[in-house]
Amino acid sequence: MGVYQGNDFKKISGGRKRPHRSNRRYEIGSYPTHTTLSSEEHHIIFERVRGGNAKLRVKKCLYVNVTDPKKGISKKCKVLKILETPANREYSQRGIITKGSIVETELGVAKITSRPGQEGTINAVLL
């Protein structure tokens, strides 16, 4: 099911604005993925987007690719818990991971640098 992203029915004055045309296919968006911390991995393999392209979305995650900038080494680690999510305070309580989230991993505290709901992988950098 799509979400309408157009701006046809808003009016600043508070008056009613009637649609002059119907919704268009290119104005349709999608619901947010809300990647959560889980005991298993789960990916949505194919979701069609504009232009016939596909997005790989991460629904549930257990592991994250952590890069140590001092050593220049990347390693796959288990996520222990979510400490902070700057996008929304409630997300860290609900266990939702977004770009910029601070998570605790086996190697230490890391910051998420990828967009899990859009890219299909979760990458992080040690702090």
N, C-alpha and C. Protein backbone atom coordinates (compact mmCIF):
# COMPACT_ATOMS: atom_id res chain seq x y z
N MET A 1 0.83 -1.17 0.00
CA MET A 1 0.00 0.00 0.00
C MET A 1 0.88 1.24 0.00
N GLY A 2 0.53 2.21 -0.82
CA GLY A 2 1.32 3.42 -0.94
C GLY A 2 0.84 4.52 -0.02
N VAL A 3 1.70 5.47 0.21
CA VAL A 3 1.39 6.63 1.01
C VAL A 3 1.48 7.84 0.09
N TYR A 4 0.47 8.67 0.06
CA TYR A 4 0.45 9.82 -0.83
C TYR A 4 1.38 10.90 -0.30
N GLN A 5 2.33 11.35 -1.13
CA GLN A 5 3.33 12.34 -0.74
C GLN A 5 3.07 13.71 -1.34
N GLY A 6 1.97 13.85 -2.08
CA GLY A 6 1.67 15.12 -2.73
C GLY A 6 1.21 16.18 -1.75
N ASN A 7 0.98 17.39 -2.26
CA ASN A 7 0.60 18.51 -1.41
C ASN A 7 -0.62 19.22 -2.01
N ASP A 8 -1.58 18.45 -2.50
CA ASP A 8 -2.71 19.03 -3.22
C ASP A 8 -3.83 19.53 -2.33
N PHE A 9 -3.94 19.03 -1.12
CA PHE A 9 -5.13 19.30 -0.32
C PHE A 9 -4.88 20.22 0.87
N LYS A 10 -3.74 20.89 0.91
CA LYS A 10 -3.44 21.80 2.01
C LYS A 10 -3.66 23.24 1.57
N LYS A 11 -4.19 24.04 2.48
CA LYS A 11 -4.39 25.45 2.20
C LYS A 11 -4.01 26.23 3.45
N ILE A 12 -3.26 27.29 3.30
CA ILE A 12 -2.71 28.03 4.43
C ILE A 12 -3.83 28.68 5.26
N SER A 13 -4.84 29.20 4.61
CA SER A 13 -5.87 29.96 5.31
C SER A 13 -6.78 29.10 6.18
N GLY A 14 -6.73 27.80 5.99
CA GLY A 14 -7.60 26.92 6.75
C GLY A 14 -8.87 26.57 6.00
N GLY A 15 -9.06 27.20 4.83
CA GLY A 15 -10.22 26.90 4.02
C GLY A 15 -10.08 25.55 3.34
N ARG A 16 -11.15 25.10 2.73
CA ARG A 16 -11.15 23.79 2.08
C ARG A 16 -10.62 23.93 0.65
N LYS A 17 -9.77 23.03 0.28
CA LYS A 17 -9.22 23.03 -1.07
C LYS A 17 -9.64 21.75 -1.75
N ARG A 18 -10.32 21.86 -2.86
CA ARG A 18 -10.80 20.69 -3.57
C ARG A 18 -9.76 20.22 -4.59
N PRO A 19 -9.63 18.91 -4.75
CA PRO A 19 -8.63 18.41 -5.70
C PRO A 19 -9.01 18.73 -7.15
N HIS A 20 -8.03 19.18 -7.93
CA HIS A 20 -8.28 19.46 -9.34
C HIS A 20 -7.90 18.28 -10.23
N ARG A 21 -7.29 17.27 -9.63
CA ARG A 21 -6.95 16.05 -10.35
C ARG A 21 -6.78 14.92 -9.34
N SER A 22 -6.66 13.69 -9.82
CA SER A 22 -6.48 12.55 -8.92
C SER A 22 -5.00 12.37 -8.60
N ASN A 23 -4.70 11.48 -7.66
CA ASN A 23 -3.32 11.21 -7.28
C ASN A 23 -2.57 10.56 -8.43
N ARG A 24 -1.26 10.80 -8.49
CA ARG A 24 -0.43 10.25 -9.54
C ARG A 24 0.49 9.18 -8.97
N ARG A 25 0.88 8.24 -9.82
CA ARG A 25 1.73 7.13 -9.40
C ARG A 25 3.07 7.62 -8.86
N TYR A 26 3.62 8.67 -9.45
CA TYR A 26 4.93 9.17 -9.03
C TYR A 26 4.87 9.93 -7.70
N GLU A 27 3.68 10.19 -7.19
CA GLU A 27 3.54 10.87 -5.91
C GLU A 27 3.40 9.90 -4.74
N ILE A 28 3.42 8.62 -5.03
CA ILE A 28 3.23 7.62 -3.99
C ILE A 28 4.57 7.31 -3.30
N GLY A 29 4.56 7.30 -1.99
CA GLY A 29 5.73 6.92 -1.21
C GLY A 29 5.48 5.59 -0.54
N SER A 30 6.16 5.32 0.57
CA SER A 30 5.94 4.08 1.29
C SER A 30 6.07 4.34 2.79
N TYR A 31 5.58 3.40 3.56
CA TYR A 31 5.68 3.51 5.01
C TYR A 31 7.13 3.32 5.45
N PRO A 32 7.54 3.94 6.57
CA PRO A 32 8.91 3.74 7.05
C PRO A 32 9.13 2.29 7.47
N THR A 33 10.36 1.83 7.33
CA THR A 33 10.68 0.43 7.60
C THR A 33 10.78 0.11 9.09
N HIS A 34 11.33 1.01 9.89
CA HIS A 34 11.54 0.81 11.33
C HIS A 34 12.34 -0.46 11.60
N THR A 35 13.62 -0.42 11.25
CA THR A 35 14.53 -1.53 11.52
C THR A 35 14.69 -1.70 13.02
N THR A 36 14.43 -2.90 13.51
CA THR A 36 14.48 -3.16 14.94
C THR A 36 15.61 -4.13 15.29
N LEU A 37 16.04 -4.06 16.53
CA LEU A 37 17.02 -4.98 17.07
C LEU A 37 16.30 -6.26 17.44
N SER A 38 16.83 -7.40 16.98
CA SER A 38 16.15 -8.67 17.18
C SER A 38 17.19 -9.78 17.38
N SER A 39 16.72 -10.96 17.68
CA SER A 39 17.62 -12.10 17.84
C SER A 39 17.83 -12.83 16.53
N GLU A 40 17.26 -12.31 15.45
CA GLU A 40 17.41 -12.93 14.13
C GLU A 40 17.51 -11.84 13.07
N GLU A 41 18.04 -12.21 11.89
CA GLU A 41 18.14 -11.29 10.77
C GLU A 41 16.94 -11.49 9.86
N HIS A 42 16.37 -10.40 9.35
CA HIS A 42 15.26 -10.50 8.41
C HIS A 42 15.34 -9.32 7.44
N HIS A 43 15.44 -9.62 6.15
CA HIS A 43 15.51 -8.60 5.11
C HIS A 43 14.27 -8.69 4.23
N ILE A 44 13.78 -7.54 3.77
CA ILE A 44 12.79 -7.52 2.71
C ILE A 44 13.61 -7.47 1.43
N ILE A 45 13.57 -8.53 0.65
CA ILE A 45 14.48 -8.66 -0.47
C ILE A 45 14.19 -7.66 -1.58
N PHE A 46 12.96 -7.50 -1.96
CA PHE A 46 12.67 -6.69 -3.13
C PHE A 46 11.50 -5.76 -2.85
N GLU A 47 11.71 -4.49 -3.04
CA GLU A 47 10.61 -3.54 -3.00
C GLU A 47 10.80 -2.58 -4.16
N ARG A 48 9.82 -2.56 -5.04
CA ARG A 48 9.94 -1.73 -6.23
C ARG A 48 9.80 -0.27 -5.87
N VAL A 49 10.69 0.55 -6.43
CA VAL A 49 10.66 1.99 -6.23
C VAL A 49 10.62 2.69 -7.59
N ARG A 50 10.68 3.98 -7.58
CA ARG A 50 10.55 4.76 -8.81
C ARG A 50 11.60 4.37 -9.85
N GLY A 51 11.16 4.25 -11.07
CA GLY A 51 12.06 3.90 -12.17
C GLY A 51 12.23 2.40 -12.32
N GLY A 52 11.46 1.60 -11.59
CA GLY A 52 11.59 0.15 -11.67
C GLY A 52 12.76 -0.40 -10.89
N ASN A 53 13.43 0.44 -10.13
CA ASN A 53 14.56 -0.01 -9.31
C ASN A 53 14.06 -0.75 -8.08
N ALA A 54 14.98 -1.37 -7.36
CA ALA A 54 14.61 -2.16 -6.19
C ALA A 54 15.38 -1.67 -4.97
N LYS A 55 14.74 -1.76 -3.81
CA LYS A 55 15.39 -1.44 -2.54
C LYS A 55 15.44 -2.68 -1.68
N LEU A 56 16.57 -2.89 -1.05
CA LEU A 56 16.72 -3.97 -0.08
C LEU A 56 16.60 -3.34 1.29
N ARG A 57 15.61 -3.73 2.04
CA ARG A 57 15.36 -3.14 3.34
C ARG A 57 15.68 -4.14 4.45
N VAL A 58 16.21 -3.64 5.57
CA VAL A 58 16.48 -4.47 6.73
C VAL A 58 15.33 -4.26 7.71
N LYS A 59 14.61 -5.34 7.99
CA LYS A 59 13.47 -5.26 8.91
C LYS A 59 13.92 -5.53 10.35
N LYS A 60 14.69 -6.60 10.53
CA LYS A 60 15.23 -6.95 11.84
C LYS A 60 16.72 -7.19 11.70
N CYS A 61 17.49 -6.74 12.67
CA CYS A 61 18.94 -6.93 12.58
C CYS A 61 19.50 -7.51 13.87
N LEU A 62 20.62 -8.18 13.71
CA LEU A 62 21.35 -8.75 14.83
C LEU A 62 22.81 -8.32 14.77
N TYR A 63 23.33 -8.17 13.54
CA TYR A 63 24.73 -7.83 13.33
C TYR A 63 24.89 -6.48 12.65
N VAL A 64 26.07 -5.89 12.85
CA VAL A 64 26.42 -4.62 12.21
C VAL A 64 27.88 -4.69 11.78
N ASN A 65 28.21 -4.08 10.64
CA ASN A 65 29.59 -4.01 10.16
C ASN A 65 30.25 -2.79 10.80
N VAL A 66 31.19 -3.03 11.71
CA VAL A 66 31.82 -1.95 12.48
C VAL A 66 33.21 -1.69 11.93
N THR A 67 33.52 -0.41 11.68
CA THR A 67 34.83 0.00 11.20
C THR A 67 35.56 0.75 12.30
N ASP A 68 36.82 0.39 12.52
CA ASP A 68 37.67 1.10 13.46
C ASP A 68 38.53 2.06 12.65
N PRO A 69 38.28 3.38 12.72
CA PRO A 69 39.03 4.31 11.87
C PRO A 69 40.51 4.41 12.21
N LYS A 70 40.89 4.12 13.44
CA LYS A 70 42.31 4.20 13.83
C LYS A 70 43.12 3.06 13.22
N LYS A 71 42.55 1.86 13.24
CA LYS A 71 43.25 0.68 12.70
C LYS A 71 42.93 0.45 11.23
N GLY A 72 41.81 0.98 10.76
CA GLY A 72 41.40 0.76 9.37
C GLY A 72 40.88 -0.64 9.12
N ILE A 73 40.28 -1.24 10.13
CA ILE A 73 39.78 -2.61 10.04
C ILE A 73 38.27 -2.61 10.23
N SER A 74 37.58 -3.41 9.42
CA SER A 74 36.13 -3.59 9.57
C SER A 74 35.84 -5.00 10.04
N LYS A 75 34.81 -5.14 10.89
CA LYS A 75 34.48 -6.44 11.44
C LYS A 75 32.97 -6.53 11.65
N LYS A 76 32.43 -7.72 11.47
CA LYS A 76 31.01 -7.95 11.70
C LYS A 76 30.81 -8.28 13.18
N CYS A 77 30.00 -7.48 13.87
CA CYS A 77 29.79 -7.65 15.31
C CYS A 77 28.31 -7.72 15.65
N LYS A 78 28.06 -8.29 16.79
CA LYS A 78 26.69 -8.38 17.29
C LYS A 78 26.32 -7.07 18.00
N VAL A 79 25.09 -6.61 17.77
CA VAL A 79 24.59 -5.41 18.46
C VAL A 79 24.04 -5.85 19.80
N LEU A 80 24.51 -5.23 20.88
CA LEU A 80 24.07 -5.58 22.22
C LEU A 80 22.85 -4.77 22.63
N LYS A 81 22.91 -3.44 22.45
CA LYS A 81 21.75 -2.60 22.75
C LYS A 81 21.88 -1.25 22.07
N ILE A 82 20.75 -0.56 21.99
CA ILE A 82 20.70 0.76 21.38
C ILE A 82 20.74 1.79 22.50
N LEU A 83 21.73 2.67 22.44
CA LEU A 83 21.90 3.65 23.51
C LEU A 83 21.13 4.93 23.23
N GLU A 84 21.19 5.43 22.00
CA GLU A 84 20.57 6.71 21.69
C GLU A 84 20.22 6.77 20.21
N THR A 85 19.10 7.42 19.90
CA THR A 85 18.70 7.66 18.52
C THR A 85 18.33 9.13 18.37
N PRO A 86 19.15 9.93 17.66
CA PRO A 86 18.87 11.36 17.57
C PRO A 86 17.64 11.69 16.73
N ALA A 87 17.19 10.78 15.87
CA ALA A 87 16.01 11.05 15.04
C ALA A 87 14.75 11.18 15.90
N ASN A 88 14.67 10.35 16.94
CA ASN A 88 13.49 10.37 17.81
C ASN A 88 13.87 9.70 19.12
N ARG A 89 13.57 10.35 20.22
CA ARG A 89 13.92 9.80 21.53
C ARG A 89 13.22 8.47 21.81
N GLU A 90 12.02 8.33 21.29
CA GLU A 90 11.23 7.14 21.53
C GLU A 90 11.79 5.92 20.79
N TYR A 91 12.51 6.14 19.69
CA TYR A 91 13.04 5.04 18.88
C TYR A 91 14.00 4.15 19.67
N SER A 92 14.84 4.74 20.51
CA SER A 92 15.79 3.93 21.28
C SER A 92 15.06 3.05 22.30
N GLN A 93 13.94 3.52 22.82
CA GLN A 93 13.16 2.71 23.76
C GLN A 93 12.47 1.56 23.02
N ARG A 94 12.03 1.82 21.80
CA ARG A 94 11.34 0.80 21.00
C ARG A 94 12.31 -0.12 20.26
N GLY A 95 13.60 0.20 20.28
CA GLY A 95 14.60 -0.66 19.64
C GLY A 95 14.71 -0.44 18.15
N ILE A 96 14.42 0.77 17.66
CA ILE A 96 14.48 1.08 16.24
C ILE A 96 15.82 1.73 15.92
N ILE A 97 16.46 1.24 14.85
CA ILE A 97 17.77 1.74 14.44
C ILE A 97 17.62 2.60 13.20
N THR A 98 18.17 3.82 13.24
CA THR A 98 18.20 4.72 12.09
C THR A 98 19.63 5.21 11.90
N LYS A 99 19.85 5.98 10.84
CA LYS A 99 21.16 6.57 10.62
C LYS A 99 21.45 7.56 11.74
N GLY A 100 22.64 7.49 12.32
CA GLY A 100 23.02 8.37 13.42
C GLY A 100 22.80 7.76 14.79
N SER A 101 22.19 6.58 14.85
CA SER A 101 21.94 5.93 16.14
C SER A 101 23.27 5.51 16.79
N ILE A 102 23.32 5.60 18.10
CA ILE A 102 24.48 5.15 18.86
C ILE A 102 24.13 3.78 19.44
N VAL A 103 24.93 2.77 19.09
CA VAL A 103 24.67 1.40 19.56
C VAL A 103 25.89 0.85 20.29
N GLU A 104 25.62 -0.08 21.17
CA GLU A 104 26.71 -0.77 21.87
C GLU A 104 26.93 -2.11 21.18
N THR A 105 28.17 -2.36 20.74
CA THR A 105 28.51 -3.60 20.05
C THR A 105 29.54 -4.37 20.87
N GLU A 106 29.95 -5.51 20.35
CA GLU A 106 30.98 -6.31 21.03
C GLU A 106 32.32 -5.59 21.06
N LEU A 107 32.58 -4.73 20.07
CA LEU A 107 33.85 -3.99 20.02
C LEU A 107 33.81 -2.69 20.82
N GLY A 108 32.62 -2.18 21.10
CA GLY A 108 32.48 -0.93 21.83
C GLY A 108 31.30 -0.13 21.30
N VAL A 109 31.29 1.16 21.63
CA VAL A 109 30.21 2.04 21.22
C VAL A 109 30.46 2.50 19.78
N ALA A 110 29.41 2.40 18.94
CA ALA A 110 29.54 2.75 17.53
C ALA A 110 28.36 3.59 17.07
N LYS A 111 28.61 4.36 16.01
CA LYS A 111 27.56 5.21 15.43
C LYS A 111 27.19 4.66 14.05
N ILE A 112 25.89 4.50 13.80
CA ILE A 112 25.40 3.96 12.53
C ILE A 112 25.59 5.01 11.44
N THR A 113 26.21 4.61 10.32
CA THR A 113 26.47 5.53 9.21
C THR A 113 25.63 5.22 7.98
N SER A 114 24.97 4.08 7.93
CA SER A 114 24.15 3.73 6.77
C SER A 114 22.68 3.92 7.10
N ARG A 115 21.84 3.78 6.08
CA ARG A 115 20.39 3.91 6.26
C ARG A 115 19.78 2.52 6.13
N PRO A 116 19.52 1.82 7.24
CA PRO A 116 19.09 0.42 7.19
C PRO A 116 17.80 0.18 6.43
N GLY A 117 16.87 1.11 6.50
CA GLY A 117 15.60 0.94 5.82
C GLY A 117 15.67 1.22 4.33
N GLN A 118 16.81 1.71 3.84
CA GLN A 118 16.94 2.07 2.44
C GLN A 118 18.05 1.31 1.73
N GLU A 119 19.10 0.89 2.45
CA GLU A 119 20.27 0.34 1.81
C GLU A 119 20.42 -1.16 1.94
N GLY A 120 19.84 -1.75 2.96
CA GLY A 120 19.93 -3.20 3.11
C GLY A 120 21.09 -3.70 3.95
N THR A 121 21.96 -2.80 4.39
CA THR A 121 23.06 -3.18 5.29
C THR A 121 23.11 -2.18 6.44
N ILE A 122 23.79 -2.58 7.51
CA ILE A 122 23.98 -1.68 8.63
C ILE A 122 25.47 -1.55 8.87
N ASN A 123 26.00 -0.35 8.62
CA ASN A 123 27.42 -0.04 8.83
C ASN A 123 27.53 0.94 9.97
N ALA A 124 28.65 0.85 10.71
CA ALA A 124 28.87 1.74 11.84
C ALA A 124 30.35 2.06 11.98
N VAL A 125 30.64 3.13 12.70
CA VAL A 125 32.02 3.55 12.97
C VAL A 125 32.19 3.63 14.48
N LEU A 126 33.31 3.07 14.98
CA LEU A 126 33.58 3.12 16.42
C LEU A 126 33.80 4.55 16.86
N LEU A 127 33.29 4.88 18.05
CA LEU A 127 33.49 6.22 18.60
C LEU A 127 34.65 6.22 19.58
